[in-house]
Amino acid sequence: MSPPQQSSVHNRLLKALSPDDFALLRQNLEPITTELRQSLIVPNIPVKQLFFPEVGFSSITTQGSDGRVETGLIGREGLVGAWPILLGSDRTPHDHFVQSAGEMLCITTEALCAAVEQSASLHKMLLRSIQVQITQTSQTAYANATQTIDVRLARWLLMCHDRVDGDDLRITHEFLSLMLGAQRSSTTLAIQALEGNRLIKARRGKITILDRKTMEQVADDGYGLPEAEYARLIGGGA
């Protein structure tokens, strides 16, 4: 299979690169198909491959004695696994796995680092994507500390909606509770509240976004800061 053309990729970070910087990566980009819950980055193990999502997205989670909690999402706006590598480490304590199956372009860590060494502008753009991810993680901490479960749910659904085509999200109540770090009963009540206000429609294993504009109002200032930072630093929408 021939290497991808910049004009045909869906990943917005790759699209935002200069043609010369994309060319440094192009020959080493390998398309793969991803499966739900597929592990991409294993905690505390040297990172050998990085992933540019084309369709679908991944979760970054932290594991503790009380279970797993999501701390970030990366979809077609970014690069999965970049944070430790570009900041001088070879591994991360966080798990990265596929939450919405689809397609990604993978590249070896060695190839990415070699390209970065050749181009200051490529390095700068990738570091900007890390700043966006740090902003998202900080915003998640803020939302978890200050906002109610229904507001946090609205924020999370909006973030997922940003990273898919269409209005349907494939997700179970149980897994949603895990990602929000909440009890399943609390998550179910929050879903019912949003559904009662006709913002979403929940069916077994699927949630459909019905009224995004009002959802953004419900999410309040929990949503929008990382998205604005992405537009400022990289361009377009997240």
C-alpha atoms as a PDB file:
ATOM      1  CA  MET A   1       0.000   0.000   0.000  1.00  0.00           C
ATOM      2  CA  SER A   2       1.368   3.413  -0.956  1.00  0.00           C
ATOM      3  CA  PRO A   3       1.972   6.039   1.764  1.00  0.00           C
ATOM      4  CA  PRO A   4      -0.950   8.414   2.426  1.00  0.00           C
ATOM      5  CA  GLN A   5      -1.242  11.793   0.763  1.00  0.00           C
ATOM      6  CA  GLN A   6      -1.663  14.804   3.041  1.00  0.00           C
ATOM      7  CA  SER A   7      -4.764  15.844   1.105  1.00  0.00           C
ATOM      8  CA  SER A   8      -6.474  12.534   1.867  1.00  0.00           C
ATOM      9  CA  VAL A   9      -5.767  12.113   5.596  1.00  0.00           C
ATOM     10  CA  HIS A  10      -8.485  12.852   8.151  1.00  0.00           C
ATOM     11  CA  ASN A  11      -6.188  13.536  11.096  1.00  0.00           C
ATOM     12  CA  ARG A  12      -6.281  17.287  11.652  1.00  0.00           C
ATOM     13  CA  LEU A  13      -2.817  17.484  13.169  1.00  0.00           C
ATOM     14  CA  LEU A  14      -1.295  15.885  10.077  1.00  0.00           C
ATOM     15  CA  LYS A  15      -3.339  18.208   7.855  1.00  0.00           C
ATOM     16  CA  ALA A  16      -2.038  21.228   9.789  1.00  0.00           C
ATOM     17  CA  LEU A  17       1.620  20.362   9.121  1.00  0.00           C
ATOM     18  CA  SER A  18       3.553  22.085   6.384  1.00  0.00           C
ATOM     19  CA  PRO A  19       3.980  19.924   3.259  1.00  0.00           C
ATOM     20  CA  ASP A  20       7.689  19.541   4.053  1.00  0.00           C
ATOM     21  CA  ASP A  21       7.004  18.362   7.603  1.00  0.00           C
ATOM     22  CA  PHE A  22       4.330  15.937   6.442  1.00  0.00           C
ATOM     23  CA  ALA A  23       6.802  14.560   3.919  1.00  0.00           C
ATOM     24  CA  LEU A  24       9.199  13.729   6.765  1.00  0.00           C
ATOM     25  CA  LEU A  25       6.531  11.463   8.272  1.00  0.00           C
ATOM     26  CA  ARG A  26       4.750  10.189   5.166  1.00  0.00           C
ATOM     27  CA  GLN A  27       6.898   7.197   4.273  1.00  0.00           C
ATOM     28  CA  ASN A  28       6.662   5.876   7.832  1.00  0.00           C
ATOM     29  CA  LEU A  29       2.892   6.183   8.319  1.00  0.00           C
ATOM     30  CA  GLU A  30       1.233   2.777   8.348  1.00  0.00           C
ATOM     31  CA  PRO A  31      -2.589   2.480   8.259  1.00  0.00           C
ATOM     32  CA  ILE A  32      -4.133   0.101  10.769  1.00  0.00           C
ATOM     33  CA  THR A  33      -7.671  -0.854  11.729  1.00  0.00           C
ATOM     34  CA  THR A  34      -8.458  -0.589  15.442  1.00  0.00           C
ATOM     35  CA  GLU A  35     -10.848  -2.560  17.623  1.00  0.00           C
ATOM     36  CA  LEU A  36     -12.862  -1.480  20.643  1.00  0.00           C
ATOM     37  CA  ARG A  37     -10.800  -1.606  23.876  1.00  0.00           C
ATOM     38  CA  GLN A  38      -7.624  -2.353  21.920  1.00  0.00           C
ATOM     39  CA  SER A  39      -4.539  -1.392  23.925  1.00  0.00           C
ATOM     40  CA  LEU A  40      -2.329   1.196  22.207  1.00  0.00           C
ATOM     41  CA  ILE A  41       0.073   2.291  24.949  1.00  0.00           C
ATOM     42  CA  VAL A  42       0.762   0.049  27.947  1.00  0.00           C
ATOM     43  CA  PRO A  43       1.675   1.753  31.250  1.00  0.00           C
ATOM     44  CA  ASN A  44       5.343   1.723  32.271  1.00  0.00           C
ATOM     45  CA  ILE A  45       6.503  -0.059  29.107  1.00  0.00           C
ATOM     46  CA  PRO A  46       8.706   1.688  26.513  1.00  0.00           C
ATOM     47  CA  VAL A  47       6.531   3.223  23.786  1.00  0.00           C
ATOM     48  CA  LYS A  48       7.431   1.677  20.426  1.00  0.00           C
ATOM     49  CA  GLN A  49       4.643   3.124  18.263  1.00  0.00           C
ATOM     50  CA  LEU A  50       2.586   6.307  18.163  1.00  0.00           C
ATOM     51  CA  PHE A  51      -0.830   6.693  16.543  1.00  0.00           C
ATOM     52  CA  PHE A  52      -2.543   9.418  14.510  1.00  0.00           C
ATOM     53  CA  PRO A  53      -6.299   8.612  14.739  1.00  0.00           C
ATOM     54  CA  GLU A  54      -8.161   8.906  11.444  1.00  0.00           C
ATOM     55  CA  VAL A  55     -11.530   7.475  12.515  1.00  0.00           C
ATOM     56  CA  GLY A  56     -12.428   6.827  16.154  1.00  0.00           C
ATOM     57  CA  PHE A  57     -10.605   7.892  19.290  1.00  0.00           C
ATOM     58  CA  SER A  58      -8.715   6.650  22.319  1.00  0.00           C
ATOM     59  CA  SER A  59      -8.923   7.207  26.066  1.00  0.00           C
ATOM     60  CA  ILE A  60      -6.103   7.976  28.464  1.00  0.00           C
ATOM     61  CA  THR A  61      -6.797   6.465  31.866  1.00  0.00           C
ATOM     62  CA  THR A  62      -5.250   6.288  35.297  1.00  0.00           C
ATOM     63  CA  GLN A  63      -5.534   3.091  37.315  1.00  0.00           C
ATOM     64  CA  GLY A  64      -5.808   3.185  41.110  1.00  0.00           C
ATOM     65  CA  SER A  65      -6.965   1.026  43.979  1.00  0.00           C
ATOM     66  CA  ASP A  66     -10.551   2.199  43.426  1.00  0.00           C
ATOM     67  CA  GLY A  67     -10.524   1.467  39.691  1.00  0.00           C
ATOM     68  CA  ARG A  68      -9.797   3.232  36.422  1.00  0.00           C
ATOM     69  CA  VAL A  69     -10.659   6.858  35.621  1.00  0.00           C
ATOM     70  CA  GLU A  70     -10.335   8.642  32.291  1.00  0.00           C
ATOM     71  CA  THR A  71      -8.060  11.686  32.217  1.00  0.00           C
ATOM     72  CA  GLY A  72      -8.078  12.449  28.502  1.00  0.00           C
ATOM     73  CA  LEU A  73      -9.384  11.753  24.990  1.00  0.00           C
ATOM     74  CA  ILE A  74      -7.421  11.825  21.755  1.00  0.00           C
ATOM     75  CA  GLY A  75      -9.091  11.592  18.377  1.00  0.00           C
ATOM     76  CA  ARG A  76      -8.367  12.807  14.879  1.00  0.00           C
ATOM     77  CA  GLU A  77      -7.156  16.127  16.267  1.00  0.00           C
ATOM     78  CA  GLY A  78      -4.000  14.644  17.772  1.00  0.00           C
ATOM     79  CA  LEU A  79      -1.319  12.011  18.263  1.00  0.00           C
ATOM     80  CA  VAL A  80      -1.650   9.155  20.755  1.00  0.00           C
ATOM     81  CA  GLY A  81       1.485   8.546  22.831  1.00  0.00           C
ATOM     82  CA  ALA A  82       3.314  11.784  22.014  1.00  0.00           C
ATOM     83  CA  TRP A  83       3.388  13.255  25.505  1.00  0.00           C
ATOM     84  CA  PRO A  84       6.210  11.197  27.094  1.00  0.00           C
ATOM     85  CA  ILE A  85       8.242  10.829  23.906  1.00  0.00           C
ATOM     86  CA  LEU A  86       8.413  14.533  23.038  1.00  0.00           C
ATOM     87  CA  LEU A  87       9.107  15.468  26.654  1.00  0.00           C
ATOM     88  CA  GLY A  88      12.172  13.255  26.846  1.00  0.00           C
ATOM     89  CA  SER A  89      10.848  10.020  28.333  1.00  0.00           C
ATOM     90  CA  ASP A  90      10.289   6.610  26.790  1.00  0.00           C
ATOM     91  CA  ARG A  91       7.179   5.544  28.725  1.00  0.00           C
ATOM     92  CA  THR A  92       4.089   6.723  30.592  1.00  0.00           C
ATOM     93  CA  PRO A  93       2.234   5.520  33.705  1.00  0.00           C
ATOM     94  CA  HIS A  94      -1.073   5.928  31.858  1.00  0.00           C
ATOM     95  CA  ASP A  95      -3.014   3.428  29.782  1.00  0.00           C
ATOM     96  CA  HIS A  96      -4.107   4.388  26.260  1.00  0.00           C
ATOM     97  CA  PHE A  97      -6.774   2.252  24.600  1.00  0.00           C
ATOM     98  CA  VAL A  98      -9.313   2.473  21.795  1.00  0.00           C
ATOM     99  CA  GLN A  99     -12.689   3.712  22.985  1.00  0.00           C
ATOM    100  CA  SER A 100     -14.223   4.157  19.534  1.00  0.00           C
ATOM    101  CA  ALA A 101     -12.983   1.701  16.925  1.00  0.00           C
ATOM    102  CA  GLY A 102     -11.867   2.845  13.504  1.00  0.00           C
ATOM    103  CA  GLU A 103      -8.618   3.571  11.717  1.00  0.00           C
ATOM    104  CA  MET A 104      -5.270   5.076  12.670  1.00  0.00           C
ATOM    105  CA  LEU A 105      -1.944   5.858  11.046  1.00  0.00           C
ATOM    106  CA  CYS A 106       0.846   4.466  13.204  1.00  0.00           C
ATOM    107  CA  ILE A 107       4.511   5.443  13.180  1.00  0.00           C
ATOM    108  CA  THR A 108       7.427   4.031  15.120  1.00  0.00           C
ATOM    109  CA  THR A 109       8.812   6.141  17.927  1.00  0.00           C
ATOM    110  CA  GLU A 110      12.203   5.959  16.261  1.00  0.00           C
ATOM    111  CA  ALA A 111      10.871   7.350  12.970  1.00  0.00           C
ATOM    112  CA  LEU A 112       8.967  10.181  14.654  1.00  0.00           C
ATOM    113  CA  CYS A 113      11.967  11.225  16.732  1.00  0.00           C
ATOM    114  CA  ALA A 114      14.196  11.170  13.644  1.00  0.00           C
ATOM    115  CA  ALA A 115      11.753  13.445  11.812  1.00  0.00           C
ATOM    116  CA  VAL A 116      11.541  15.824  14.770  1.00  0.00           C
ATOM    117  CA  GLU A 117      15.333  16.091  14.846  1.00  0.00           C
ATOM    118  CA  GLN A 118      15.250  17.244  11.224  1.00  0.00           C
ATOM    119  CA  SER A 119      12.560  19.907  11.637  1.00  0.00           C
ATOM    120  CA  ALA A 120      12.120  22.529  14.330  1.00  0.00           C
ATOM    121  CA  SER A 121       8.713  23.449  12.904  1.00  0.00           C
ATOM    122  CA  LEU A 122       7.478  19.844  13.182  1.00  0.00           C
ATOM    123  CA  HIS A 123       8.736  19.675  16.741  1.00  0.00           C
ATOM    124  CA  LYS A 124       6.968  22.941  17.562  1.00  0.00           C
ATOM    125  CA  MET A 125       3.643  21.785  16.120  1.00  0.00           C
ATOM    126  CA  LEU A 126       3.737  18.485  18.011  1.00  0.00           C
ATOM    127  CA  LEU A 127       4.592  20.293  21.244  1.00  0.00           C
ATOM    128  CA  ARG A 128       1.590  22.544  20.646  1.00  0.00           C
ATOM    129  CA  SER A 129      -0.600  19.444  20.468  1.00  0.00           C
ATOM    130  CA  ILE A 130       0.795  18.382  23.844  1.00  0.00           C
ATOM    131  CA  GLN A 131      -0.123  21.782  25.304  1.00  0.00           C
ATOM    132  CA  VAL A 132      -3.684  21.200  24.109  1.00  0.00           C
ATOM    133  CA  GLN A 133      -3.671  17.777  25.774  1.00  0.00           C
ATOM    134  CA  ILE A 134      -2.350  19.233  29.031  1.00  0.00           C
ATOM    135  CA  THR A 135      -5.100  21.851  28.910  1.00  0.00           C
ATOM    136  CA  GLN A 136      -7.696  19.114  28.396  1.00  0.00           C
ATOM    137  CA  THR A 137      -6.352  17.102  31.337  1.00  0.00           C
ATOM    138  CA  SER A 138      -6.376  20.186  33.565  1.00  0.00           C
ATOM    139  CA  GLN A 139      -9.935  20.950  32.503  1.00  0.00           C
ATOM    140  CA  THR A 140     -10.952  17.381  33.335  1.00  0.00           C
ATOM    141  CA  ALA A 141      -9.531  17.811  36.841  1.00  0.00           C
ATOM    142  CA  TYR A 142     -11.435  21.085  37.194  1.00  0.00           C
ATOM    143  CA  ALA A 143     -14.698  19.510  36.010  1.00  0.00           C
ATOM    144  CA  ASN A 144     -14.326  16.492  38.293  1.00  0.00           C
ATOM    145  CA  ALA A 145     -13.652  18.733  41.300  1.00  0.00           C
ATOM    146  CA  THR A 146     -16.317  21.370  40.783  1.00  0.00           C
ATOM    147  CA  GLN A 147     -19.134  20.126  38.560  1.00  0.00           C
ATOM    148  CA  THR A 148     -22.068  17.793  39.069  1.00  0.00           C
ATOM    149  CA  ILE A 149     -22.287  14.445  37.321  1.00  0.00           C
ATOM    150  CA  ASP A 150     -24.841  15.636  34.750  1.00  0.00           C
ATOM    151  CA  VAL A 151     -22.596  18.579  33.768  1.00  0.00           C
ATOM    152  CA  ARG A 152     -19.564  16.303  33.535  1.00  0.00           C
ATOM    153  CA  LEU A 153     -21.575  13.852  31.444  1.00  0.00           C
ATOM    154  CA  ALA A 154     -22.618  16.609  29.031  1.00  0.00           C
ATOM    155  CA  ARG A 155     -18.988  17.695  28.694  1.00  0.00           C
ATOM    156  CA  TRP A 156     -17.768  14.164  28.057  1.00  0.00           C
ATOM    157  CA  LEU A 157     -20.441  13.462  25.455  1.00  0.00           C
ATOM    158  CA  LEU A 158     -19.561  16.690  23.640  1.00  0.00           C
ATOM    159  CA  MET A 159     -15.891  15.722  23.584  1.00  0.00           C
ATOM    160  CA  CYS A 160     -16.771  12.333  22.110  1.00  0.00           C
ATOM    161  CA  HIS A 161     -19.143  13.971  19.615  1.00  0.00           C
ATOM    162  CA  ASP A 162     -16.267  16.171  18.420  1.00  0.00           C
ATOM    163  CA  ARG A 163     -14.329  13.060  17.482  1.00  0.00           C
ATOM    164  CA  VAL A 164     -16.883  11.058  15.507  1.00  0.00           C
ATOM    165  CA  ASP A 165     -18.903  11.498  12.329  1.00  0.00           C
ATOM    166  CA  GLY A 166     -22.628  11.670  12.944  1.00  0.00           C
ATOM    167  CA  ASP A 167     -24.519  11.900  16.220  1.00  0.00           C
ATOM    168  CA  ASP A 168     -24.360   8.316  17.528  1.00  0.00           C
ATOM    169  CA  LEU A 169     -21.964   7.283  20.289  1.00  0.00           C
ATOM    170  CA  ARG A 170     -21.487   3.583  21.014  1.00  0.00           C
ATOM    171  CA  ILE A 171     -21.225   3.380  24.800  1.00  0.00           C
ATOM    172  CA  THR A 172     -22.735   1.414  27.681  1.00  0.00           C
ATOM    173  CA  HIS A 173     -23.831   2.907  31.010  1.00  0.00           C
ATOM    174  CA  GLU A 174     -21.328   0.707  32.807  1.00  0.00           C
ATOM    175  CA  PHE A 175     -18.370   1.850  30.726  1.00  0.00           C
ATOM    176  CA  LEU A 176     -19.527   5.463  30.878  1.00  0.00           C
ATOM    177  CA  SER A 177     -19.531   5.254  34.687  1.00  0.00           C
ATOM    178  CA  LEU A 178     -15.985   3.949  34.577  1.00  0.00           C
ATOM    179  CA  MET A 179     -14.787   6.797  32.402  1.00  0.00           C
ATOM    180  CA  LEU A 180     -16.477   9.433  34.577  1.00  0.00           C
ATOM    181  CA  GLY A 181     -15.315   7.836  37.819  1.00  0.00           C
ATOM    182  CA  ALA A 182     -18.906   7.693  39.085  1.00  0.00           C
ATOM    183  CA  GLN A 183     -21.282   5.053  40.361  1.00  0.00           C
ATOM    184  CA  ARG A 184     -23.406   3.444  37.694  1.00  0.00           C
ATOM    185  CA  SER A 185     -26.617   4.540  39.426  1.00  0.00           C
ATOM    186  CA  SER A 186     -25.467   8.180  39.403  1.00  0.00           C
ATOM    187  CA  THR A 187     -24.498   7.953  35.749  1.00  0.00           C
ATOM    188  CA  THR A 188     -27.866   6.438  34.843  1.00  0.00           C
ATOM    189  CA  LEU A 189     -29.678   9.297  36.603  1.00  0.00           C
ATOM    190  CA  ALA A 190     -27.539  11.846  34.740  1.00  0.00           C
ATOM    191  CA  ILE A 191     -28.332  10.161  31.424  1.00  0.00           C
ATOM    192  CA  GLN A 192     -32.029  10.197  32.278  1.00  0.00           C
ATOM    193  CA  ALA A 193     -31.825  13.901  33.139  1.00  0.00           C
ATOM    194  CA  LEU A 194     -30.264  14.787  29.775  1.00  0.00           C
ATOM    195  CA  GLU A 195     -32.717  12.527  27.979  1.00  0.00           C
ATOM    196  CA  GLY A 196     -35.635  14.051  29.857  1.00  0.00           C
ATOM    197  CA  ASN A 197     -34.609  17.448  28.541  1.00  0.00           C
ATOM    198  CA  ARG A 198     -34.457  15.978  25.025  1.00  0.00           C
ATOM    199  CA  LEU A 199     -30.733  16.612  24.674  1.00  0.00           C
ATOM    200  CA  ILE A 200     -29.875  12.970  24.012  1.00  0.00           C
ATOM    201  CA  LYS A 201     -31.585   9.680  23.294  1.00  0.00           C
ATOM    202  CA  ALA A 202     -30.207   6.676  25.162  1.00  0.00           C
ATOM    203  CA  ARG A 203     -30.627   3.128  23.928  1.00  0.00           C
ATOM    204  CA  ARG A 204     -28.819  -0.057  24.855  1.00  0.00           C
ATOM    205  CA  GLY A 205     -25.165   0.462  23.995  1.00  0.00           C
ATOM    206  CA  LYS A 206     -25.769   3.761  22.186  1.00  0.00           C
ATOM    207  CA  ILE A 207     -26.361   7.429  22.950  1.00  0.00           C
ATOM    208  CA  THR A 208     -27.537   9.824  20.232  1.00  0.00           C
ATOM    209  CA  ILE A 209     -26.897  13.561  20.509  1.00  0.00           C
ATOM    210  CA  LEU A 210     -30.119  15.452  19.759  1.00  0.00           C
ATOM    211  CA  ASP A 211     -29.431  19.052  20.832  1.00  0.00           C
ATOM    212  CA  ARG A 212     -25.734  19.907  20.866  1.00  0.00           C
ATOM    213  CA  LYS A 213     -26.220  23.648  21.363  1.00  0.00           C
ATOM    214  CA  THR A 214     -28.136  23.183  24.606  1.00  0.00           C
ATOM    215  CA  MET A 215     -25.675  20.478  25.685  1.00  0.00           C
ATOM    216  CA  GLU A 216     -22.912  23.059  25.448  1.00  0.00           C
ATOM    217  CA  GLN A 217     -24.915  25.327  27.741  1.00  0.00           C
ATOM    218  CA  VAL A 218     -25.325  22.486  30.238  1.00  0.00           C
ATOM    219  CA  ALA A 219     -21.586  21.730  30.135  1.00  0.00           C
ATOM    220  CA  ASP A 220     -20.963  25.403  30.967  1.00  0.00           C
ATOM    221  CA  ASP A 221     -17.279  26.332  31.343  1.00  0.00           C
ATOM    222  CA  GLY A 222     -16.260  22.687  31.663  1.00  0.00           C
ATOM    223  CA  TYR A 223     -16.263  22.487  27.869  1.00  0.00           C
ATOM    224  CA  GLY A 224     -14.589  24.747  25.325  1.00  0.00           C
ATOM    225  CA  LEU A 225     -11.203  25.761  26.743  1.00  0.00           C
ATOM    226  CA  PRO A 226      -9.106  22.941  25.205  1.00  0.00           C
ATOM    227  CA  GLU A 227     -11.062  23.291  21.979  1.00  0.00           C
ATOM    228  CA  ALA A 228     -10.296  27.023  21.840  1.00  0.00           C
ATOM    229  CA  GLU A 229      -6.645  26.327  22.617  1.00  0.00           C
ATOM    230  CA  TYR A 230      -6.523  23.841  19.730  1.00  0.00           C
ATOM    231  CA  ALA A 231      -7.929  26.434  17.349  1.00  0.00           C
ATOM    232  CA  ARG A 232      -5.430  29.042  18.576  1.00  0.00           C
ATOM    233  CA  LEU A 233      -2.348  26.831  18.430  1.00  0.00           C
ATOM    234  CA  ILE A 234      -3.064  24.463  15.550  1.00  0.00           C
ATOM    235  CA  GLY A 235      -6.105  25.749  13.702  1.00  0.00           C
ATOM    236  CA  GLY A 236      -9.551  24.432  12.825  1.00  0.00           C
ATOM    237  CA  GLY A 237     -11.688  22.555  15.350  1.00  0.00           C
ATOM    238  CA  ALA A 238     -10.762  19.728  17.711  1.00  0.00           C
END
